[in-house]
Amino acid sequence: MEKIIFILIFFFSIKGFCQETAETVNTAETKNNLVFAELGGAVAFGAGLGYERYLPVNPAKRFSLRGGLGLIDGFSSYTSFLGGSFIYGKKSGLELGLNYLINYDIDVFRSVDSNESKFENDIQVLVGYRYQNWENGVMFRVFYVPPVGCCSTSIPVYAGMSLGYAF
């Protein structure tokens, strides 16, 4: 009798899990690819283009992985970035993320008196707001970059914004 009860509990647990997964897939969140343009943020006072892939957990929670290229230093040098975020909210939500910046303009974040190399690699933290319209694919985000990692600066507000299209 105990085995039958265990099997029934297991069956109903699996059935509930599968229904939650089916709901996630059947929502408009099937648009898991995103291309975007960005000002500030990962391109540190420059402009760039990127690609992001959503990894949905459920309709209100998802992770994302991203990468991109940008122009910095008065648009005379390039940079690239790799990163990821946790996004909480179906259409509008909180975003917490990390970027690994490659070849960012370090002169922006420290005194110009330094004789060190002008470009470096480092990690960047971001906290922001993301709006994702699942029907037409439009994505907009604004975010604050706290002064940790690469972005330790005397500039009190360092931020970025992105506009993209999910497909």
N, C-alpha and C. Protein backbone atom coordinates (compact mmCIF):
# COMPACT_ATOMS: atom_id res chain seq x y z
N MET A 1 0.82 -1.20 0.00
CA MET A 1 0.00 0.00 0.00
C MET A 1 0.86 1.26 0.00
N GLU A 2 1.96 1.24 0.74
CA GLU A 2 2.85 2.41 0.79
C GLU A 2 3.43 2.71 -0.58
N LYS A 3 3.75 1.68 -1.35
CA LYS A 3 4.31 1.88 -2.69
C LYS A 3 3.29 2.52 -3.62
N ILE A 4 2.04 2.13 -3.50
CA ILE A 4 0.99 2.71 -4.34
C ILE A 4 0.81 4.19 -4.00
N ILE A 5 0.79 4.52 -2.71
CA ILE A 5 0.67 5.92 -2.29
C ILE A 5 1.87 6.72 -2.80
N PHE A 6 3.06 6.18 -2.69
CA PHE A 6 4.28 6.84 -3.17
C PHE A 6 4.18 7.08 -4.68
N ILE A 7 3.73 6.07 -5.44
CA ILE A 7 3.62 6.20 -6.89
C ILE A 7 2.59 7.26 -7.26
N LEU A 8 1.45 7.28 -6.55
CA LEU A 8 0.43 8.30 -6.82
C LEU A 8 0.94 9.71 -6.54
N ILE A 9 1.62 9.88 -5.41
CA ILE A 9 2.20 11.19 -5.08
C ILE A 9 3.22 11.59 -6.14
N PHE A 10 4.07 10.67 -6.52
CA PHE A 10 5.08 10.94 -7.55
C PHE A 10 4.40 11.33 -8.87
N PHE A 11 3.35 10.58 -9.28
CA PHE A 11 2.64 10.85 -10.52
C PHE A 11 2.04 12.25 -10.53
N PHE A 12 1.34 12.61 -9.45
CA PHE A 12 0.71 13.91 -9.40
C PHE A 12 1.73 15.04 -9.30
N SER A 13 2.86 14.79 -8.68
CA SER A 13 3.93 15.79 -8.62
C SER A 13 4.49 16.04 -10.00
N ILE A 14 4.79 14.99 -10.74
CA ILE A 14 5.31 15.12 -12.10
C ILE A 14 4.29 15.82 -12.99
N LYS A 15 3.02 15.43 -12.86
CA LYS A 15 1.97 16.05 -13.66
C LYS A 15 1.90 17.56 -13.41
N GLY A 16 1.98 17.98 -12.15
CA GLY A 16 1.97 19.40 -11.82
C GLY A 16 3.18 20.12 -12.39
N PHE A 17 4.35 19.50 -12.31
CA PHE A 17 5.57 20.10 -12.85
C PHE A 17 5.45 20.27 -14.36
N CYS A 18 4.94 19.26 -15.05
CA CYS A 18 4.79 19.33 -16.50
C CYS A 18 3.79 20.40 -16.90
N GLN A 19 2.70 20.56 -16.13
CA GLN A 19 1.75 21.61 -16.45
C GLN A 19 2.37 22.99 -16.31
N GLU A 20 3.19 23.19 -15.27
CA GLU A 20 3.85 24.48 -15.10
C GLU A 20 4.79 24.74 -16.25
N THR A 21 5.53 23.71 -16.69
CA THR A 21 6.44 23.87 -17.81
C THR A 21 5.67 24.17 -19.09
N ALA A 22 4.54 23.49 -19.31
CA ALA A 22 3.73 23.73 -20.50
C ALA A 22 3.18 25.16 -20.50
N GLU A 23 2.75 25.65 -19.33
CA GLU A 23 2.27 27.02 -19.25
C GLU A 23 3.36 28.01 -19.63
N THR A 24 4.57 27.75 -19.17
CA THR A 24 5.70 28.63 -19.48
C THR A 24 5.94 28.67 -20.98
N VAL A 25 5.92 27.51 -21.62
CA VAL A 25 6.21 27.44 -23.05
C VAL A 25 5.06 28.03 -23.86
N ASN A 26 3.81 27.87 -23.39
CA ASN A 26 2.67 28.33 -24.16
C ASN A 26 2.39 29.81 -24.01
N THR A 27 3.03 30.49 -23.08
CA THR A 27 2.84 31.93 -22.98
C THR A 27 3.59 32.59 -24.13
N ALA A 28 3.49 33.88 -24.21
CA ALA A 28 4.15 34.61 -25.30
C ALA A 28 5.66 34.61 -25.14
N GLU A 29 6.18 33.96 -24.11
CA GLU A 29 7.61 33.97 -23.88
C GLU A 29 8.38 33.06 -24.82
N THR A 30 7.79 32.68 -25.94
CA THR A 30 8.52 31.87 -26.90
C THR A 30 9.47 32.72 -27.72
N LYS A 31 9.43 34.03 -27.55
CA LYS A 31 10.39 34.93 -28.20
C LYS A 31 11.62 34.99 -27.31
N ASN A 32 12.55 34.07 -27.52
CA ASN A 32 13.70 33.95 -26.63
C ASN A 32 14.97 34.59 -27.16
N ASN A 33 14.96 35.15 -28.36
CA ASN A 33 16.12 35.80 -28.94
C ASN A 33 15.86 37.30 -28.99
N LEU A 34 16.90 38.07 -28.74
CA LEU A 34 16.75 39.52 -28.67
C LEU A 34 17.97 40.19 -29.28
N VAL A 35 17.75 41.16 -30.14
CA VAL A 35 18.84 42.02 -30.63
C VAL A 35 18.56 43.42 -30.07
N PHE A 36 19.63 44.14 -29.70
CA PHE A 36 19.42 45.44 -29.07
C PHE A 36 20.56 46.40 -29.39
N ALA A 37 20.23 47.68 -29.29
CA ALA A 37 21.21 48.76 -29.36
C ALA A 37 21.33 49.32 -27.95
N GLU A 38 22.55 49.71 -27.56
CA GLU A 38 22.78 50.16 -26.19
C GLU A 38 23.62 51.44 -26.18
N LEU A 39 23.27 52.33 -25.29
CA LEU A 39 24.06 53.53 -25.01
C LEU A 39 24.50 53.45 -23.56
N GLY A 40 25.77 53.72 -23.30
CA GLY A 40 26.29 53.59 -21.94
C GLY A 40 26.34 52.14 -21.54
N GLY A 41 26.24 51.87 -20.24
CA GLY A 41 26.22 50.49 -19.77
C GLY A 41 27.48 49.74 -20.13
N ALA A 42 27.33 48.62 -20.83
CA ALA A 42 28.46 47.76 -21.17
C ALA A 42 29.45 48.44 -22.11
N VAL A 43 29.01 49.42 -22.85
CA VAL A 43 29.91 50.11 -23.77
C VAL A 43 30.49 51.38 -23.16
N ALA A 44 30.31 51.55 -21.86
CA ALA A 44 30.95 52.61 -21.07
C ALA A 44 31.11 53.92 -21.82
N PHE A 45 30.07 54.71 -21.86
CA PHE A 45 30.05 56.01 -22.53
C PHE A 45 30.30 55.90 -24.03
N GLY A 46 29.77 54.86 -24.62
CA GLY A 46 29.84 54.65 -26.06
C GLY A 46 28.50 54.13 -26.55
N ALA A 47 28.51 53.48 -27.71
CA ALA A 47 27.30 52.90 -28.28
C ALA A 47 27.64 51.52 -28.81
N GLY A 48 26.66 50.62 -28.75
CA GLY A 48 26.94 49.26 -29.21
C GLY A 48 25.70 48.51 -29.63
N LEU A 49 25.94 47.33 -30.19
CA LEU A 49 24.89 46.40 -30.60
C LEU A 49 25.13 45.07 -29.91
N GLY A 50 24.04 44.38 -29.57
CA GLY A 50 24.20 43.11 -28.88
C GLY A 50 23.12 42.12 -29.20
N TYR A 51 23.36 40.89 -28.76
CA TYR A 51 22.41 39.78 -28.89
C TYR A 51 22.22 39.19 -27.50
N GLU A 52 20.98 38.84 -27.19
CA GLU A 52 20.66 38.25 -25.88
C GLU A 52 19.74 37.06 -26.09
N ARG A 53 19.93 36.05 -25.26
CA ARG A 53 19.09 34.85 -25.30
C ARG A 53 18.42 34.68 -23.95
N TYR A 54 17.07 34.64 -23.94
CA TYR A 54 16.32 34.40 -22.71
C TYR A 54 16.33 32.91 -22.37
N LEU A 55 16.47 32.62 -21.09
CA LEU A 55 16.35 31.26 -20.57
C LEU A 55 15.22 31.29 -19.55
N PRO A 56 13.95 31.05 -19.98
CA PRO A 56 12.82 31.21 -19.07
C PRO A 56 12.79 30.15 -17.98
N VAL A 57 12.45 30.57 -16.77
CA VAL A 57 12.25 29.68 -15.64
C VAL A 57 10.75 29.48 -15.46
N ASN A 58 10.01 30.57 -15.43
CA ASN A 58 8.55 30.57 -15.44
C ASN A 58 8.13 31.92 -16.02
N PRO A 59 6.82 32.18 -16.19
CA PRO A 59 6.42 33.43 -16.85
C PRO A 59 6.94 34.71 -16.20
N ALA A 60 7.23 34.68 -14.91
CA ALA A 60 7.66 35.91 -14.23
C ALA A 60 9.15 35.95 -13.93
N LYS A 61 9.87 34.87 -14.18
CA LYS A 61 11.31 34.82 -13.89
C LYS A 61 12.06 34.23 -15.08
N ARG A 62 13.16 34.88 -15.43
CA ARG A 62 13.99 34.33 -16.51
C ARG A 62 15.42 34.82 -16.35
N PHE A 63 16.32 34.06 -16.92
CA PHE A 63 17.72 34.43 -17.00
C PHE A 63 18.00 34.82 -18.43
N SER A 64 19.05 35.56 -18.64
CA SER A 64 19.46 35.89 -20.01
C SER A 64 20.98 35.84 -20.10
N LEU A 65 21.46 35.50 -21.28
CA LEU A 65 22.88 35.53 -21.61
C LEU A 65 23.03 36.47 -22.79
N ARG A 66 24.07 37.32 -22.77
CA ARG A 66 24.22 38.31 -23.83
C ARG A 66 25.67 38.52 -24.20
N GLY A 67 25.84 39.12 -25.36
CA GLY A 67 27.16 39.50 -25.85
C GLY A 67 26.99 40.60 -26.88
N GLY A 68 28.05 41.37 -27.09
CA GLY A 68 27.93 42.44 -28.07
C GLY A 68 29.23 43.16 -28.33
N LEU A 69 29.16 44.10 -29.24
CA LEU A 69 30.29 44.93 -29.65
C LEU A 69 29.88 46.39 -29.58
N GLY A 70 30.86 47.27 -29.34
CA GLY A 70 30.55 48.68 -29.29
C GLY A 70 31.73 49.55 -29.65
N LEU A 71 31.46 50.83 -29.80
CA LEU A 71 32.49 51.83 -30.08
C LEU A 71 32.63 52.73 -28.87
N ILE A 72 33.87 53.01 -28.48
CA ILE A 72 34.17 53.83 -27.31
C ILE A 72 35.27 54.83 -27.65
N ASP A 73 35.69 55.58 -26.65
CA ASP A 73 36.79 56.53 -26.80
C ASP A 73 36.55 57.48 -27.98
N GLY A 74 35.40 58.15 -27.93
CA GLY A 74 35.06 59.06 -29.03
C GLY A 74 34.83 58.32 -30.33
N PHE A 75 34.34 57.09 -30.26
CA PHE A 75 34.07 56.21 -31.40
C PHE A 75 35.32 55.90 -32.21
N SER A 76 36.50 55.91 -31.55
CA SER A 76 37.74 55.59 -32.26
C SER A 76 38.28 54.20 -31.90
N SER A 77 37.70 53.54 -30.89
CA SER A 77 38.14 52.21 -30.48
C SER A 77 36.93 51.32 -30.27
N TYR A 78 37.17 50.03 -30.27
CA TYR A 78 36.07 49.09 -30.08
C TYR A 78 36.15 48.44 -28.70
N THR A 79 35.02 47.91 -28.29
CA THR A 79 34.92 47.14 -27.06
C THR A 79 33.98 45.98 -27.31
N SER A 80 34.01 44.98 -26.45
CA SER A 80 33.04 43.89 -26.52
C SER A 80 32.68 43.49 -25.10
N PHE A 81 31.57 42.79 -24.97
CA PHE A 81 31.11 42.39 -23.65
C PHE A 81 30.37 41.07 -23.72
N LEU A 82 30.41 40.35 -22.61
CA LEU A 82 29.65 39.13 -22.39
C LEU A 82 28.98 39.30 -21.04
N GLY A 83 27.75 38.83 -20.90
CA GLY A 83 27.09 39.00 -19.62
C GLY A 83 25.84 38.17 -19.47
N GLY A 84 25.19 38.41 -18.37
CA GLY A 84 23.95 37.72 -18.08
C GLY A 84 23.16 38.48 -17.04
N SER A 85 21.86 38.18 -16.98
CA SER A 85 20.97 38.85 -16.03
C SER A 85 19.93 37.90 -15.50
N PHE A 86 19.39 38.25 -14.34
CA PHE A 86 18.18 37.63 -13.82
C PHE A 86 17.11 38.70 -13.92
N ILE A 87 15.98 38.36 -14.54
CA ILE A 87 14.90 39.32 -14.76
C ILE A 87 13.67 38.81 -14.02
N TYR A 88 13.10 39.66 -13.17
CA TYR A 88 11.92 39.29 -12.41
C TYR A 88 10.76 40.18 -12.83
N GLY A 89 9.73 39.58 -13.41
CA GLY A 89 8.55 40.31 -13.87
C GLY A 89 8.17 39.85 -15.26
N LYS A 90 6.86 39.75 -15.51
CA LYS A 90 6.39 39.27 -16.82
C LYS A 90 6.65 40.28 -17.93
N LYS A 91 6.06 41.46 -17.80
CA LYS A 91 6.18 42.49 -18.83
C LYS A 91 7.11 43.60 -18.39
N SER A 92 6.97 44.04 -17.17
CA SER A 92 7.84 45.05 -16.57
C SER A 92 8.51 44.40 -15.38
N GLY A 93 9.80 44.66 -15.21
CA GLY A 93 10.42 44.01 -14.08
C GLY A 93 11.79 44.51 -13.72
N LEU A 94 12.28 43.94 -12.66
CA LEU A 94 13.60 44.23 -12.11
C LEU A 94 14.64 43.38 -12.83
N GLU A 95 15.78 43.98 -13.15
CA GLU A 95 16.88 43.25 -13.77
C GLU A 95 18.13 43.41 -12.91
N LEU A 96 18.78 42.29 -12.61
CA LEU A 96 20.06 42.26 -11.90
C LEU A 96 21.04 41.51 -12.78
N GLY A 97 22.17 42.13 -13.09
CA GLY A 97 23.07 41.48 -14.03
C GLY A 97 24.54 41.76 -13.82
N LEU A 98 25.35 41.03 -14.58
CA LEU A 98 26.80 41.18 -14.63
C LEU A 98 27.24 41.20 -16.08
N ASN A 99 28.23 42.00 -16.38
CA ASN A 99 28.87 42.01 -17.70
C ASN A 99 30.37 41.85 -17.51
N TYR A 100 31.00 41.16 -18.43
CA TYR A 100 32.46 41.13 -18.48
C TYR A 100 32.85 42.01 -19.66
N LEU A 101 33.48 43.13 -19.37
CA LEU A 101 33.85 44.09 -20.41
C LEU A 101 35.26 43.79 -20.91
N ILE A 102 35.43 43.81 -22.20
CA ILE A 102 36.72 43.56 -22.83
C ILE A 102 37.14 44.84 -23.54
N ASN A 103 38.29 45.38 -23.16
CA ASN A 103 38.83 46.56 -23.82
C ASN A 103 37.97 47.81 -23.57
N TYR A 104 37.57 48.04 -22.31
CA TYR A 104 36.81 49.25 -22.03
C TYR A 104 37.78 50.40 -21.75
N ASP A 105 37.32 51.62 -21.92
CA ASP A 105 38.14 52.82 -21.78
C ASP A 105 38.29 53.18 -20.30
N ILE A 106 39.38 52.76 -19.69
CA ILE A 106 39.58 52.96 -18.25
C ILE A 106 39.79 54.43 -17.89
N ASP A 107 40.21 55.26 -18.83
CA ASP A 107 40.39 56.69 -18.53
C ASP A 107 39.10 57.35 -18.08
N VAL A 108 37.98 56.80 -18.50
CA VAL A 108 36.69 57.34 -18.09
C VAL A 108 36.48 57.14 -16.59
N PHE A 109 37.06 56.08 -16.03
CA PHE A 109 36.80 55.71 -14.65
C PHE A 109 37.93 56.02 -13.68
N ARG A 110 38.94 56.73 -14.09
CA ARG A 110 39.98 57.12 -13.15
C ARG A 110 40.63 58.43 -13.60
N SER A 111 41.48 58.93 -12.78
CA SER A 111 42.14 60.20 -13.07
C SER A 111 42.99 60.08 -14.33
N VAL A 112 43.03 61.13 -15.11
CA VAL A 112 43.83 61.12 -16.34
C VAL A 112 45.33 61.22 -16.03
N ASP A 113 45.70 61.45 -14.76
CA ASP A 113 47.10 61.54 -14.38
C ASP A 113 47.81 60.19 -14.43
N SER A 114 47.06 59.12 -14.43
CA SER A 114 47.64 57.78 -14.36
C SER A 114 48.43 57.46 -15.63
N ASN A 115 49.55 56.79 -15.46
CA ASN A 115 50.37 56.38 -16.59
C ASN A 115 50.08 54.94 -17.02
N GLU A 116 49.06 54.33 -16.42
CA GLU A 116 48.74 52.94 -16.75
C GLU A 116 48.10 52.84 -18.12
N SER A 117 47.93 51.60 -18.57
CA SER A 117 47.31 51.31 -19.85
C SER A 117 45.92 51.95 -19.94
N LYS A 118 45.54 52.42 -21.11
CA LYS A 118 44.27 53.09 -21.29
C LYS A 118 43.09 52.12 -21.32
N PHE A 119 43.28 50.90 -21.84
CA PHE A 119 42.19 49.95 -21.97
C PHE A 119 42.44 48.73 -21.10
N GLU A 120 41.37 48.22 -20.48
CA GLU A 120 41.46 47.05 -19.60
C GLU A 120 40.20 46.21 -19.71
N ASN A 121 40.22 45.04 -19.08
CA ASN A 121 39.06 44.15 -18.99
C ASN A 121 38.63 44.09 -17.54
N ASP A 122 37.32 43.99 -17.29
CA ASP A 122 36.85 43.88 -15.90
C ASP A 122 35.36 43.55 -15.88
N ILE A 123 34.83 43.36 -14.67
CA ILE A 123 33.43 43.01 -14.46
C ILE A 123 32.63 44.26 -14.11
N GLN A 124 31.39 44.28 -14.55
CA GLN A 124 30.47 45.39 -14.30
C GLN A 124 29.16 44.82 -13.76
N VAL A 125 28.60 45.47 -12.75
CA VAL A 125 27.32 45.08 -12.16
C VAL A 125 26.26 46.05 -12.67
N LEU A 126 25.03 45.55 -12.89
CA LEU A 126 23.96 46.46 -13.28
C LEU A 126 22.66 46.10 -12.56
N VAL A 127 21.89 47.15 -12.25
CA VAL A 127 20.59 47.02 -11.59
C VAL A 127 19.65 47.92 -12.37
N GLY A 128 18.53 47.36 -12.84
CA GLY A 128 17.68 48.21 -13.65
C GLY A 128 16.25 47.75 -13.80
N TYR A 129 15.57 48.44 -14.70
CA TYR A 129 14.18 48.19 -15.05
C TYR A 129 14.13 47.73 -16.50
N ARG A 130 13.37 46.66 -16.77
CA ARG A 130 13.22 46.16 -18.14
C ARG A 130 11.73 46.04 -18.47
N TYR A 131 11.37 46.54 -19.65
CA TYR A 131 10.01 46.39 -20.17
C TYR A 131 10.11 45.51 -21.40
N GLN A 132 9.31 44.44 -21.46
CA GLN A 132 9.31 43.53 -22.60
C GLN A 132 7.87 43.34 -23.07
N ASN A 133 7.54 43.81 -24.26
CA ASN A 133 6.22 43.59 -24.83
C ASN A 133 6.29 42.30 -25.63
N TRP A 134 5.65 41.25 -25.15
CA TRP A 134 5.75 39.93 -25.78
C TRP A 134 4.96 39.85 -27.08
N GLU A 135 3.96 40.71 -27.26
CA GLU A 135 3.15 40.64 -28.47
C GLU A 135 3.92 41.17 -29.68
N ASN A 136 4.54 42.34 -29.56
CA ASN A 136 5.24 42.91 -30.71
C ASN A 136 6.76 42.79 -30.61
N GLY A 137 7.30 42.27 -29.50
CA GLY A 137 8.72 42.01 -29.38
C GLY A 137 9.58 43.18 -28.91
N VAL A 138 9.00 44.35 -28.67
CA VAL A 138 9.79 45.52 -28.27
C VAL A 138 10.30 45.37 -26.84
N MET A 139 11.57 45.66 -26.64
CA MET A 139 12.19 45.63 -25.31
C MET A 139 12.86 46.97 -25.07
N PHE A 140 12.71 47.48 -23.84
CA PHE A 140 13.37 48.71 -23.42
C PHE A 140 13.88 48.50 -22.01
N ARG A 141 15.08 48.95 -21.74
CA ARG A 141 15.59 48.86 -20.37
C ARG A 141 16.45 50.07 -20.06
N VAL A 142 16.42 50.45 -18.80
CA VAL A 142 17.30 51.47 -18.26
C VAL A 142 17.91 50.87 -17.01
N PHE A 143 19.17 51.19 -16.76
CA PHE A 143 19.82 50.58 -15.61
C PHE A 143 20.91 51.48 -15.04
N TYR A 144 21.15 51.25 -13.78
CA TYR A 144 22.19 51.94 -13.01
C TYR A 144 23.36 50.97 -12.86
N VAL A 145 24.57 51.50 -12.96
CA VAL A 145 25.77 50.69 -12.78
C VAL A 145 26.43 51.13 -11.48
N PRO A 146 26.32 50.32 -10.42
CA PRO A 146 26.94 50.69 -9.14
C PRO A 146 28.46 50.78 -9.27
N PRO A 147 29.10 51.60 -8.46
CA PRO A 147 30.56 51.79 -8.55
C PRO A 147 31.34 50.63 -7.93
N VAL A 148 31.27 49.45 -8.57
CA VAL A 148 32.07 48.27 -8.18
C VAL A 148 32.69 47.70 -9.44
N GLY A 149 33.70 46.86 -9.27
CA GLY A 149 34.36 46.27 -10.44
C GLY A 149 35.06 47.34 -11.25
N CYS A 150 34.83 47.30 -12.55
CA CYS A 150 35.50 48.24 -13.45
C CYS A 150 35.04 49.67 -13.26
N CYS A 151 33.86 49.82 -12.73
CA CYS A 151 33.21 51.13 -12.77
C CYS A 151 33.33 51.91 -11.48
N SER A 152 34.40 51.71 -10.73
CA SER A 152 34.64 52.51 -9.53
C SER A 152 35.05 53.89 -10.00
N THR A 153 34.19 54.84 -9.81
CA THR A 153 34.41 56.15 -10.36
C THR A 153 33.86 57.22 -9.42
N SER A 154 34.35 58.41 -9.60
CA SER A 154 33.81 59.52 -8.82
C SER A 154 32.55 60.07 -9.47
N ILE A 155 32.22 59.60 -10.67
CA ILE A 155 30.99 60.02 -11.33
C ILE A 155 29.83 59.41 -10.53
N PRO A 156 28.95 60.21 -9.94
CA PRO A 156 27.92 59.66 -9.06
C PRO A 156 26.87 58.82 -9.77
N VAL A 157 26.54 59.15 -11.00
CA VAL A 157 25.52 58.41 -11.71
C VAL A 157 26.12 57.90 -13.01
N TYR A 158 26.25 56.61 -13.11
CA TYR A 158 26.69 55.98 -14.34
C TYR A 158 25.61 54.99 -14.71
N ALA A 159 25.09 55.09 -15.90
CA ALA A 159 23.93 54.28 -16.28
C ALA A 159 23.99 53.90 -17.75
N GLY A 160 22.96 53.24 -18.18
CA GLY A 160 22.85 52.86 -19.59
C GLY A 160 21.40 52.62 -19.95
N MET A 161 21.17 52.47 -21.23
CA MET A 161 19.83 52.14 -21.71
C MET A 161 19.94 51.35 -23.00
N SER A 162 18.94 50.49 -23.21
CA SER A 162 18.91 49.64 -24.40
C SER A 162 17.53 49.66 -25.00
N LEU A 163 17.48 49.50 -26.31
CA LEU A 163 16.24 49.35 -27.04
C LEU A 163 16.43 48.15 -27.95
N GLY A 164 15.49 47.20 -27.90
CA GLY A 164 15.68 45.99 -28.68
C GLY A 164 14.41 45.40 -29.23
N TYR A 165 14.59 44.28 -29.94
CA TYR A 165 13.49 43.56 -30.56
C TYR A 165 13.66 42.07 -30.30
N ALA A 166 12.65 41.44 -29.70
CA ALA A 166 12.68 40.01 -29.42
C ALA A 166 11.96 39.26 -30.54
N PHE A 167 12.52 38.11 -30.88
CA PHE A 167 11.91 37.26 -31.91
C PHE A 167 12.03 35.80 -31.53
